[in-house]
Amino acid sequence: FVNFLNVQKTGRMRIPFGIAQVGKAFRNEIVARQFTFRMREFEQMEMQYFVAPGNEMEWFEYWKEARLQWHLALGLGQENYRYHPHDKLAHYANAAVDIEFNFPFGFKEVEGIHSRTDFDLSNHARVSGRKVQYFDADRNESYTPYVVETSIGLDRTILMVLSACYDEEHLASADGKEDIRKVLHLPPALAPVKVAILPLVRKDGMPERAEAILHDLRLRTACHYEEKDTVGKRYRRQDAIGTPYCVTVDTQTLEDGTVTLRERDSMQQQRIPAERIYEAIAPTTELNSLLKKL
């Protein structure tokens, strides 16, 4: 709020516009409890959206829907989200709603959308003795903007993603015994490692060919190289950290330049030319794949 005039004047911004930030927040909790939900210190992502008085409810409904679409774009399941309107409003608000997610322990708030009227800017003006107003050329008048706020806890969001994506799959191994595959079904665009490059064995020129592929990909996407243990064990390790794709370099790679591309969730494999690896994984691993859903 204190930067409203600086941003508006230097950026020549016209109402409506928003200021978003990510940072550390603090809360006076006498007894910290409920894990990440009542911490004294936490990471928060906020946006203050400044609108003309009288238009705040229109923008409140817009951001209520837009923020839910952002959550749904993560692919964690529409059935796991719900709105929770506030029955009792803060003295400065004229509308408020929470977006809740169905954690393993029940529905909990992950984001709040609030219409805060002109309470914040009016109080900054009152205490500072400085006028905090916007001249609207369309209305030919000056006014104190109203604020629609979206506020989402980063710690809660990480917990939401991890709790929704972790799974233990019971599979039958080759000898007939039960095998438990621990897998983190992270949305590929959010996975910290997009693709793992794995030589089948540590000899016969396969590590060198795998490192060449790594060198080609590392400037375009987040890669990981690993050559220790059997390729099956390496697949399992990548599944556990949520890596959406694994590329295996084998003897056929040395003959015709193709590699095995394995997809994490289905475990399906296909042969593709090594030079087409990025082309094959980019549609799902790039952040644009999520943004296009908004």
C-alpha atoms as a PDB file:
ATOM      1  CA  PHE A   1       0.000   0.000   0.000  1.00  0.00           C
ATOM      2  CA  VAL A   2       2.804   2.444   0.813  1.00  0.00           C
ATOM      3  CA  ASN A   3       4.146   2.010  -2.736  1.00  0.00           C
ATOM      4  CA  PHE A   4       0.816   2.704  -4.412  1.00  0.00           C
ATOM      5  CA  LEU A   5       1.646   6.242  -5.560  1.00  0.00           C
ATOM      6  CA  ASN A   6       5.231   5.344  -6.505  1.00  0.00           C
ATOM      7  CA  VAL A   7       4.106   2.467  -8.725  1.00  0.00           C
ATOM      8  CA  GLN A   8       1.134   4.352 -10.159  1.00  0.00           C
ATOM      9  CA  LYS A   9       3.084   7.481 -11.084  1.00  0.00           C
ATOM     10  CA  THR A  10       6.366   5.941 -12.278  1.00  0.00           C
ATOM     11  CA  GLY A  11       4.586   3.242 -14.271  1.00  0.00           C
ATOM     12  CA  ARG A  12       1.890   5.653 -15.479  1.00  0.00           C
ATOM     13  CA  MET A  13      -0.638   3.022 -14.404  1.00  0.00           C
ATOM     14  CA  ARG A  14      -4.340   3.418 -14.914  1.00  0.00           C
ATOM     15  CA  ILE A  15      -6.989   1.994 -12.597  1.00  0.00           C
ATOM     16  CA  PRO A  16      -7.537  -0.948 -12.378  1.00  0.00           C
ATOM     17  CA  PHE A  17      -4.052  -2.358 -11.773  1.00  0.00           C
ATOM     18  CA  GLY A  18      -2.387  -4.595  -9.220  1.00  0.00           C
ATOM     19  CA  ILE A  19       0.811  -4.833  -7.188  1.00  0.00           C
ATOM     20  CA  ALA A  20       1.949  -8.388  -6.375  1.00  0.00           C
ATOM     21  CA  GLN A  21       4.736  -9.545  -4.095  1.00  0.00           C
ATOM     22  CA  VAL A  22       6.160 -12.611  -2.380  1.00  0.00           C
ATOM     23  CA  GLY A  23       7.732 -12.311   1.044  1.00  0.00           C
ATOM     24  CA  LYS A  24       7.976 -13.348   4.642  1.00  0.00           C
ATOM     25  CA  ALA A  25       5.040 -12.624   6.938  1.00  0.00           C
ATOM     26  CA  PHE A  26       4.722 -12.827  10.713  1.00  0.00           C
ATOM     27  CA  ARG A  27       1.793 -13.594  12.987  1.00  0.00           C
ATOM     28  CA  ASN A  28       1.449 -13.150  16.741  1.00  0.00           C
ATOM     29  CA  GLU A  29       0.601 -16.752  17.554  1.00  0.00           C
ATOM     30  CA  ILE A  30       0.726 -17.448  21.299  1.00  0.00           C
ATOM     31  CA  VAL A  31       0.693 -21.209  20.654  1.00  0.00           C
ATOM     32  CA  ALA A  32       1.902 -22.329  17.223  1.00  0.00           C
ATOM     33  CA  ARG A  33      -0.141 -25.323  16.083  1.00  0.00           C
ATOM     34  CA  GLN A  34      -1.752 -27.104  13.127  1.00  0.00           C
ATOM     35  CA  PHE A  35       1.600 -27.614  11.389  1.00  0.00           C
ATOM     36  CA  THR A  36       2.027 -25.088   8.553  1.00  0.00           C
ATOM     37  CA  PHE A  37      -1.370 -23.484   9.163  1.00  0.00           C
ATOM     38  CA  ARG A  38      -0.603 -21.503  12.321  1.00  0.00           C
ATOM     39  CA  MET A  39       3.096 -20.718  12.122  1.00  0.00           C
ATOM     40  CA  ARG A  40       4.551 -17.522  13.518  1.00  0.00           C
ATOM     41  CA  GLU A  41       6.718 -17.027  10.435  1.00  0.00           C
ATOM     42  CA  PHE A  42       5.679 -18.027   6.927  1.00  0.00           C
ATOM     43  CA  GLU A  43       5.966 -17.197   3.229  1.00  0.00           C
ATOM     44  CA  GLN A  44       3.063 -15.366   1.645  1.00  0.00           C
ATOM     45  CA  MET A  45       2.131 -14.372  -1.917  1.00  0.00           C
ATOM     46  CA  GLU A  46      -0.160 -11.366  -2.118  1.00  0.00           C
ATOM     47  CA  MET A  47      -1.708  -9.069  -4.697  1.00  0.00           C
ATOM     48  CA  GLN A  48      -3.443  -5.775  -4.027  1.00  0.00           C
ATOM     49  CA  TYR A  49      -5.681  -4.867  -6.962  1.00  0.00           C
ATOM     50  CA  PHE A  50      -6.729  -1.217  -7.027  1.00  0.00           C
ATOM     51  CA  VAL A  51     -10.140  -0.454  -8.489  1.00  0.00           C
ATOM     52  CA  ALA A  52     -12.583   2.424  -8.730  1.00  0.00           C
ATOM     53  CA  PRO A  53     -15.149   2.735  -5.913  1.00  0.00           C
ATOM     54  CA  GLY A  54     -18.355   1.048  -6.953  1.00  0.00           C
ATOM     55  CA  ASN A  55     -16.558  -1.536  -9.121  1.00  0.00           C
ATOM     56  CA  GLU A  56     -15.057  -3.544  -6.284  1.00  0.00           C
ATOM     57  CA  MET A  57     -17.670  -6.315  -6.264  1.00  0.00           C
ATOM     58  CA  GLU A  58     -17.289  -6.884  -9.998  1.00  0.00           C
ATOM     59  CA  TRP A  59     -13.524  -7.327  -9.545  1.00  0.00           C
ATOM     60  CA  PHE A  60     -14.007  -9.388  -6.392  1.00  0.00           C
ATOM     61  CA  GLU A  61     -16.033 -11.908  -8.409  1.00  0.00           C
ATOM     62  CA  TYR A  62     -13.458 -11.795 -11.221  1.00  0.00           C
ATOM     63  CA  TRP A  63     -10.522 -12.599  -8.945  1.00  0.00           C
ATOM     64  CA  LYS A  64     -12.518 -15.190  -7.033  1.00  0.00           C
ATOM     65  CA  GLU A  65     -12.988 -17.123 -10.279  1.00  0.00           C
ATOM     66  CA  ALA A  66      -9.520 -16.374 -11.697  1.00  0.00           C
ATOM     67  CA  ARG A  67      -7.731 -17.594  -8.594  1.00  0.00           C
ATOM     68  CA  LEU A  68      -9.708 -20.851  -8.533  1.00  0.00           C
ATOM     69  CA  GLN A  69      -8.765 -21.404 -12.186  1.00  0.00           C
ATOM     70  CA  TRP A  70      -5.104 -20.937 -11.221  1.00  0.00           C
ATOM     71  CA  HIS A  71      -5.447 -23.733  -8.666  1.00  0.00           C
ATOM     72  CA  LEU A  72      -7.318 -26.000 -11.075  1.00  0.00           C
ATOM     73  CA  ALA A  73      -4.563 -25.520 -13.675  1.00  0.00           C
ATOM     74  CA  LEU A  74      -2.222 -27.418 -11.332  1.00  0.00           C
ATOM     75  CA  GLY A  75      -4.229 -30.560 -12.099  1.00  0.00           C
ATOM     76  CA  LEU A  76      -4.874 -31.643  -8.508  1.00  0.00           C
ATOM     77  CA  GLY A  77      -8.571 -32.339  -9.137  1.00  0.00           C
ATOM     78  CA  GLN A  78     -11.552 -29.994  -9.173  1.00  0.00           C
ATOM     79  CA  GLU A  79     -13.294 -32.139  -6.555  1.00  0.00           C
ATOM     80  CA  ASN A  80     -10.564 -31.225  -4.055  1.00  0.00           C
ATOM     81  CA  TYR A  81     -11.404 -27.503  -4.029  1.00  0.00           C
ATOM     82  CA  ARG A  82     -14.288 -25.519  -2.624  1.00  0.00           C
ATOM     83  CA  TYR A  83     -15.206 -21.946  -1.757  1.00  0.00           C
ATOM     84  CA  HIS A  84     -15.830 -20.968   1.846  1.00  0.00           C
ATOM     85  CA  PRO A  85     -17.589 -17.577   2.071  1.00  0.00           C
ATOM     86  CA  HIS A  86     -17.010 -15.612   5.272  1.00  0.00           C
ATOM     87  CA  ASP A  87     -20.134 -15.400   7.413  1.00  0.00           C
ATOM     88  CA  LYS A  88     -18.564 -12.717   9.592  1.00  0.00           C
ATOM     89  CA  LEU A  89     -16.596  -9.984   7.831  1.00  0.00           C
ATOM     90  CA  ALA A  90     -13.768  -7.847   9.172  1.00  0.00           C
ATOM     91  CA  HIS A  91     -14.855  -4.291   9.913  1.00  0.00           C
ATOM     92  CA  TYR A  92     -13.065  -2.947   6.810  1.00  0.00           C
ATOM     93  CA  ALA A  93     -14.320  -5.587   4.313  1.00  0.00           C
ATOM     94  CA  ASN A  94     -17.510  -5.805   2.303  1.00  0.00           C
ATOM     95  CA  ALA A  95     -16.826  -9.298   0.852  1.00  0.00           C
ATOM     96  CA  ALA A  96     -14.495 -12.199   1.614  1.00  0.00           C
ATOM     97  CA  VAL A  97     -14.117 -15.808   0.533  1.00  0.00           C
ATOM     98  CA  ASP A  98     -11.544 -18.558   1.078  1.00  0.00           C
ATOM     99  CA  ILE A  99     -10.405 -21.212  -1.374  1.00  0.00           C
ATOM    100  CA  GLU A 100     -10.050 -24.462   0.531  1.00  0.00           C
ATOM    101  CA  PHE A 101      -8.263 -27.679  -0.479  1.00  0.00           C
ATOM    102  CA  ASN A 102      -9.078 -31.188   0.656  1.00  0.00           C
ATOM    103  CA  PHE A 103      -5.914 -32.267   2.477  1.00  0.00           C
ATOM    104  CA  PRO A 104      -5.593 -35.823   3.865  1.00  0.00           C
ATOM    105  CA  PHE A 105      -6.834 -34.351   7.162  1.00  0.00           C
ATOM    106  CA  GLY A 106      -9.775 -32.421   5.663  1.00  0.00           C
ATOM    107  CA  PHE A 107     -10.524 -29.143   3.932  1.00  0.00           C
ATOM    108  CA  LYS A 108      -8.235 -26.258   4.905  1.00  0.00           C
ATOM    109  CA  GLU A 109      -7.795 -22.736   3.595  1.00  0.00           C
ATOM    110  CA  VAL A 110      -5.008 -22.152   1.062  1.00  0.00           C
ATOM    111  CA  GLU A 111      -6.011 -18.725  -0.276  1.00  0.00           C
ATOM    112  CA  GLY A 112      -8.212 -15.799   0.660  1.00  0.00           C
ATOM    113  CA  ILE A 113      -9.846 -13.188  -1.587  1.00  0.00           C
ATOM    114  CA  HIS A 114     -11.043 -10.031   0.151  1.00  0.00           C
ATOM    115  CA  SER A 115     -12.669  -6.767  -0.850  1.00  0.00           C
ATOM    116  CA  ARG A 116     -11.044  -4.334   1.590  1.00  0.00           C
ATOM    117  CA  THR A 117     -12.827  -1.135   0.412  1.00  0.00           C
ATOM    118  CA  ASP A 118     -10.630   1.983   0.801  1.00  0.00           C
ATOM    119  CA  PHE A 119      -9.641   1.154   4.382  1.00  0.00           C
ATOM    120  CA  ASP A 120      -5.906   0.678   3.754  1.00  0.00           C
ATOM    121  CA  LEU A 121      -5.147   3.680   1.547  1.00  0.00           C
ATOM    122  CA  SER A 122      -7.420   5.977   3.578  1.00  0.00           C
ATOM    123  CA  ASN A 123      -5.598   5.057   6.788  1.00  0.00           C
ATOM    124  CA  HIS A 124      -2.189   5.511   5.189  1.00  0.00           C
ATOM    125  CA  ALA A 125      -3.305   8.962   4.102  1.00  0.00           C
ATOM    126  CA  ARG A 126      -4.707   9.787   7.548  1.00  0.00           C
ATOM    127  CA  VAL A 127      -1.639   8.690   9.506  1.00  0.00           C
ATOM    128  CA  SER A 128       0.976  10.063   7.083  1.00  0.00           C
ATOM    129  CA  GLY A 129      -0.845  13.311   6.410  1.00  0.00           C
ATOM    130  CA  ARG A 130      -0.250  12.756   2.696  1.00  0.00           C
ATOM    131  CA  LYS A 131      -2.998  12.574   0.119  1.00  0.00           C
ATOM    132  CA  VAL A 132      -3.214   9.103  -1.448  1.00  0.00           C
ATOM    133  CA  GLN A 133      -5.595   9.510  -4.358  1.00  0.00           C
ATOM    134  CA  TYR A 134      -5.899   8.736  -8.042  1.00  0.00           C
ATOM    135  CA  PHE A 135      -7.178  11.117 -10.701  1.00  0.00           C
ATOM    136  CA  ASP A 136      -9.513   9.269 -13.057  1.00  0.00           C
ATOM    137  CA  ALA A 137      -9.571  11.030 -16.438  1.00  0.00           C
ATOM    138  CA  ASP A 138     -12.628   9.042 -17.533  1.00  0.00           C
ATOM    139  CA  ARG A 139     -14.604  10.168 -14.496  1.00  0.00           C
ATOM    140  CA  ASN A 140     -12.862  13.541 -14.279  1.00  0.00           C
ATOM    141  CA  GLU A 141     -12.500  13.157 -10.524  1.00  0.00           C
ATOM    142  CA  SER A 142     -10.019  12.140  -7.850  1.00  0.00           C
ATOM    143  CA  TYR A 143     -10.755   9.343  -5.409  1.00  0.00           C
ATOM    144  CA  THR A 144      -9.151   6.907  -3.011  1.00  0.00           C
ATOM    145  CA  PRO A 145      -9.100   3.515  -4.790  1.00  0.00           C
ATOM    146  CA  TYR A 146     -10.751   0.466  -3.302  1.00  0.00           C
ATOM    147  CA  VAL A 147      -8.661  -2.698  -2.959  1.00  0.00           C
ATOM    148  CA  VAL A 148      -9.393  -6.318  -3.827  1.00  0.00           C
ATOM    149  CA  GLU A 149      -6.761  -8.526  -2.224  1.00  0.00           C
ATOM    150  CA  THR A 150      -5.706 -12.078  -3.023  1.00  0.00           C
ATOM    151  CA  SER A 151      -3.480 -13.750  -0.431  1.00  0.00           C
ATOM    152  CA  ILE A 152      -2.073 -17.267  -0.711  1.00  0.00           C
ATOM    153  CA  GLY A 153       0.248 -19.091   1.659  1.00  0.00           C
ATOM    154  CA  LEU A 154       3.304 -20.465  -0.142  1.00  0.00           C
ATOM    155  CA  ASP A 155       4.014 -23.026   2.602  1.00  0.00           C
ATOM    156  CA  ARG A 156       0.422 -24.274   2.428  1.00  0.00           C
ATOM    157  CA  THR A 157       0.581 -24.469  -1.348  1.00  0.00           C
ATOM    158  CA  ILE A 158       3.707 -26.642  -1.220  1.00  0.00           C
ATOM    159  CA  LEU A 159       2.033 -28.892   1.356  1.00  0.00           C
ATOM    160  CA  MET A 160      -1.068 -29.025  -0.869  1.00  0.00           C
ATOM    161  CA  VAL A 161       0.940 -30.138  -3.900  1.00  0.00           C
ATOM    162  CA  LEU A 162       3.032 -32.690  -2.005  1.00  0.00           C
ATOM    163  CA  SER A 163       0.076 -34.262  -0.178  1.00  0.00           C
ATOM    164  CA  ALA A 164      -1.954 -34.520  -3.386  1.00  0.00           C
ATOM    165  CA  CYS A 165       0.880 -35.895  -5.513  1.00  0.00           C
ATOM    166  CA  TYR A 166       2.541 -38.475  -3.271  1.00  0.00           C
ATOM    167  CA  ASP A 167       1.483 -42.039  -3.939  1.00  0.00           C
ATOM    168  CA  GLU A 168       2.583 -45.590  -3.181  1.00  0.00           C
ATOM    169  CA  GLU A 169       1.680 -47.960  -5.994  1.00  0.00           C
ATOM    170  CA  HIS A 170       1.578 -51.699  -5.339  1.00  0.00           C
ATOM    171  CA  LEU A 171       3.037 -53.523  -8.338  1.00  0.00           C
ATOM    172  CA  ALA A 172       3.909 -57.131  -9.062  1.00  0.00           C
ATOM    173  CA  SER A 173       7.643 -57.670  -9.516  1.00  0.00           C
ATOM    174  CA  ALA A 174       9.199 -60.103 -11.995  1.00  0.00           C
ATOM    175  CA  ASP A 175       9.513 -62.828  -9.347  1.00  0.00           C
ATOM    176  CA  GLY A 176       5.842 -62.494  -8.368  1.00  0.00           C
ATOM    177  CA  LYS A 177       6.460 -60.594  -5.147  1.00  0.00           C
ATOM    178  CA  GLU A 178       4.759 -57.288  -4.393  1.00  0.00           C
ATOM    179  CA  ASP A 179       6.765 -54.189  -5.237  1.00  0.00           C
ATOM    180  CA  ILE A 180       5.879 -50.759  -3.850  1.00  0.00           C
ATOM    181  CA  ARG A 181       6.648 -47.866  -6.194  1.00  0.00           C
ATOM    182  CA  LYS A 182       6.888 -44.545  -4.349  1.00  0.00           C
ATOM    183  CA  VAL A 183       6.044 -41.816  -6.845  1.00  0.00           C
ATOM    184  CA  LEU A 184       5.489 -38.096  -6.640  1.00  0.00           C
ATOM    185  CA  HIS A 185       2.983 -37.168  -9.357  1.00  0.00           C
ATOM    186  CA  LEU A 186       4.074 -33.538  -9.544  1.00  0.00           C
ATOM    187  CA  PRO A 187       2.631 -31.470 -12.386  1.00  0.00           C
ATOM    188  CA  PRO A 188       5.540 -31.649 -14.880  1.00  0.00           C
ATOM    189  CA  ALA A 189       5.741 -27.850 -15.072  1.00  0.00           C
ATOM    190  CA  LEU A 190       6.343 -27.702 -11.290  1.00  0.00           C
ATOM    191  CA  ALA A 191       8.835 -30.561 -11.065  1.00  0.00           C
ATOM    192  CA  PRO A 192      12.304 -29.307 -10.012  1.00  0.00           C
ATOM    193  CA  VAL A 193      13.933 -31.805 -12.404  1.00  0.00           C
ATOM    194  CA  LYS A 194      12.247 -32.189 -15.784  1.00  0.00           C
ATOM    195  CA  VAL A 195      14.273 -35.025 -17.264  1.00  0.00           C
ATOM    196  CA  ALA A 196      16.920 -37.484 -16.062  1.00  0.00           C
ATOM    197  CA  ILE A 197      19.619 -38.701 -18.449  1.00  0.00           C
ATOM    198  CA  LEU A 198      20.612 -42.304 -17.690  1.00  0.00           C
ATOM    199  CA  PRO A 199      23.255 -44.386 -19.491  1.00  0.00           C
ATOM    200  CA  LEU A 200      22.230 -48.047 -19.403  1.00  0.00           C
ATOM    201  CA  VAL A 201      25.691 -49.102 -18.224  1.00  0.00           C
ATOM    202  CA  ARG A 202      28.927 -47.302 -17.337  1.00  0.00           C
ATOM    203  CA  LYS A 203      30.919 -48.529 -20.317  1.00  0.00           C
ATOM    204  CA  ASP A 204      30.974 -48.901 -24.094  1.00  0.00           C
ATOM    205  CA  GLY A 205      30.754 -45.150 -24.682  1.00  0.00           C
ATOM    206  CA  MET A 206      27.239 -44.814 -23.198  1.00  0.00           C
ATOM    207  CA  PRO A 207      28.209 -42.380 -20.398  1.00  0.00           C
ATOM    208  CA  GLU A 208      29.948 -40.140 -22.927  1.00  0.00           C
ATOM    209  CA  ARG A 209      26.906 -40.145 -25.230  1.00  0.00           C
ATOM    210  CA  ALA A 210      24.595 -39.467 -22.264  1.00  0.00           C
ATOM    211  CA  GLU A 211      26.741 -36.546 -21.120  1.00  0.00           C
ATOM    212  CA  ALA A 212      26.634 -35.095 -24.631  1.00  0.00           C
ATOM    213  CA  ILE A 213      22.813 -35.212 -24.509  1.00  0.00           C
ATOM    214  CA  LEU A 214      22.904 -33.615 -21.062  1.00  0.00           C
ATOM    215  CA  HIS A 215      25.127 -30.819 -22.347  1.00  0.00           C
ATOM    216  CA  ASP A 216      22.654 -30.154 -25.163  1.00  0.00           C
ATOM    217  CA  LEU A 217      19.587 -30.068 -22.879  1.00  0.00           C
ATOM    218  CA  ARG A 218      20.851 -28.349 -19.736  1.00  0.00           C
ATOM    219  CA  LEU A 219      20.582 -24.824 -21.167  1.00  0.00           C
ATOM    220  CA  ARG A 220      16.928 -25.367 -22.101  1.00  0.00           C
ATOM    221  CA  THR A 221      15.509 -27.319 -19.183  1.00  0.00           C
ATOM    222  CA  ALA A 222      16.382 -28.704 -15.735  1.00  0.00           C
ATOM    223  CA  CYS A 223      18.255 -32.003 -16.145  1.00  0.00           C
ATOM    224  CA  HIS A 224      19.817 -34.603 -13.890  1.00  0.00           C
ATOM    225  CA  TYR A 225      22.498 -37.147 -14.807  1.00  0.00           C
ATOM    226  CA  GLU A 226      22.860 -40.441 -12.952  1.00  0.00           C
ATOM    227  CA  GLU A 227      24.778 -43.619 -13.737  1.00  0.00           C
ATOM    228  CA  LYS A 228      24.966 -45.520 -10.411  1.00  0.00           C
ATOM    229  CA  ASP A 229      22.975 -48.773  -9.885  1.00  0.00           C
ATOM    230  CA  THR A 230      20.679 -50.547 -12.330  1.00  0.00           C
ATOM    231  CA  VAL A 231      18.467 -48.464 -14.573  1.00  0.00           C
ATOM    232  CA  GLY A 232      15.402 -49.845 -12.770  1.00  0.00           C
ATOM    233  CA  LYS A 233      16.603 -48.496  -9.420  1.00  0.00           C
ATOM    234  CA  ARG A 234      17.391 -45.169 -11.043  1.00  0.00           C
ATOM    235  CA  TYR A 235      13.869 -45.010 -12.468  1.00  0.00           C
ATOM    236  CA  ARG A 236      12.486 -45.543  -8.961  1.00  0.00           C
ATOM    237  CA  ARG A 237      14.634 -42.767  -7.497  1.00  0.00           C
ATOM    238  CA  GLN A 238      13.462 -40.343 -10.165  1.00  0.00           C
ATOM    239  CA  ASP A 239       9.836 -41.387  -9.579  1.00  0.00           C
ATOM    240  CA  ALA A 240      10.259 -40.614  -5.883  1.00  0.00           C
ATOM    241  CA  ILE A 241      11.405 -37.025  -6.509  1.00  0.00           C
ATOM    242  CA  GLY A 242       8.773 -36.367  -9.164  1.00  0.00           C
ATOM    243  CA  THR A 243      10.921 -36.277 -12.323  1.00  0.00           C
ATOM    244  CA  PRO A 244       8.362 -36.569 -15.148  1.00  0.00           C
ATOM    245  CA  TYR A 245      10.706 -38.055 -17.809  1.00  0.00           C
ATOM    246  CA  CYS A 246      13.738 -40.318 -17.972  1.00  0.00           C
ATOM    247  CA  VAL A 247      15.953 -40.757 -21.026  1.00  0.00           C
ATOM    248  CA  THR A 248      17.955 -43.975 -21.305  1.00  0.00           C
ATOM    249  CA  VAL A 249      21.028 -44.212 -23.503  1.00  0.00           C
ATOM    250  CA  ASP A 250      21.751 -47.788 -24.628  1.00  0.00           C
ATOM    251  CA  THR A 251      23.533 -49.727 -27.372  1.00  0.00           C
ATOM    252  CA  GLN A 252      20.861 -48.790 -29.923  1.00  0.00           C
ATOM    253  CA  THR A 253      21.580 -45.121 -29.212  1.00  0.00           C
ATOM    254  CA  LEU A 254      25.160 -45.649 -30.368  1.00  0.00           C
ATOM    255  CA  GLU A 255      23.888 -47.318 -33.561  1.00  0.00           C
ATOM    256  CA  ASP A 256      21.033 -45.081 -34.728  1.00  0.00           C
ATOM    257  CA  GLY A 257      20.961 -42.071 -32.369  1.00  0.00           C
ATOM    258  CA  THR A 258      17.615 -42.926 -30.733  1.00  0.00           C
ATOM    259  CA  VAL A 259      16.953 -43.042 -26.984  1.00  0.00           C
ATOM    260  CA  THR A 260      14.264 -44.503 -24.741  1.00  0.00           C
ATOM    261  CA  LEU A 261      11.945 -41.835 -23.312  1.00  0.00           C
ATOM    262  CA  ARG A 262      10.061 -43.044 -20.216  1.00  0.00           C
ATOM    263  CA  GLU A 263       7.053 -41.170 -18.799  1.00  0.00           C
ATOM    264  CA  ARG A 264       6.760 -41.205 -14.996  1.00  0.00           C
ATOM    265  CA  ASP A 265       3.025 -41.706 -14.355  1.00  0.00           C
ATOM    266  CA  SER A 266       2.250 -44.329 -17.003  1.00  0.00           C
ATOM    267  CA  MET A 267       5.779 -45.808 -17.087  1.00  0.00           C
ATOM    268  CA  GLN A 268       5.308 -46.115 -20.861  1.00  0.00           C
ATOM    269  CA  GLN A 269       8.424 -45.991 -23.031  1.00  0.00           C
ATOM    270  CA  GLN A 270       9.037 -44.915 -26.603  1.00  0.00           C
ATOM    271  CA  ARG A 271      12.024 -44.616 -28.904  1.00  0.00           C
ATOM    272  CA  ILE A 272      12.720 -41.134 -30.230  1.00  0.00           C
ATOM    273  CA  PRO A 273      15.727 -39.442 -31.860  1.00  0.00           C
ATOM    274  CA  ALA A 274      18.001 -37.864 -29.252  1.00  0.00           C
ATOM    275  CA  GLU A 275      17.700 -34.460 -30.911  1.00  0.00           C
ATOM    276  CA  ARG A 276      13.907 -34.499 -30.357  1.00  0.00           C
ATOM    277  CA  ILE A 277      13.977 -34.987 -26.571  1.00  0.00           C
ATOM    278  CA  TYR A 278      13.246 -31.354 -25.719  1.00  0.00           C
ATOM    279  CA  GLU A 279      10.559 -31.172 -28.391  1.00  0.00           C
ATOM    280  CA  ALA A 280       8.864 -34.214 -26.810  1.00  0.00           C
ATOM    281  CA  ILE A 281       8.897 -33.014 -23.193  1.00  0.00           C
ATOM    282  CA  ALA A 282       8.477 -29.224 -23.561  1.00  0.00           C
ATOM    283  CA  PRO A 283       4.665 -29.208 -24.093  1.00  0.00           C
ATOM    284  CA  THR A 284       4.147 -30.515 -20.550  1.00  0.00           C
ATOM    285  CA  THR A 285       7.263 -29.401 -18.644  1.00  0.00           C
ATOM    286  CA  GLU A 286       7.364 -25.726 -19.599  1.00  0.00           C
ATOM    287  CA  LEU A 287       5.519 -23.290 -17.325  1.00  0.00           C
ATOM    288  CA  ASN A 288       3.601 -22.030 -20.348  1.00  0.00           C
ATOM    289  CA  SER A 289       1.696 -25.323 -20.319  1.00  0.00           C
ATOM    290  CA  LEU A 290       0.083 -24.221 -17.055  1.00  0.00           C
ATOM    291  CA  LEU A 291      -0.367 -20.570 -17.999  1.00  0.00           C
ATOM    292  CA  LYS A 292      -2.263 -21.530 -21.157  1.00  0.00           C
ATOM    293  CA  LYS A 293      -4.958 -23.116 -18.971  1.00  0.00           C
ATOM    294  CA  LEU A 294      -5.778 -19.811 -17.282  1.00  0.00           C
END
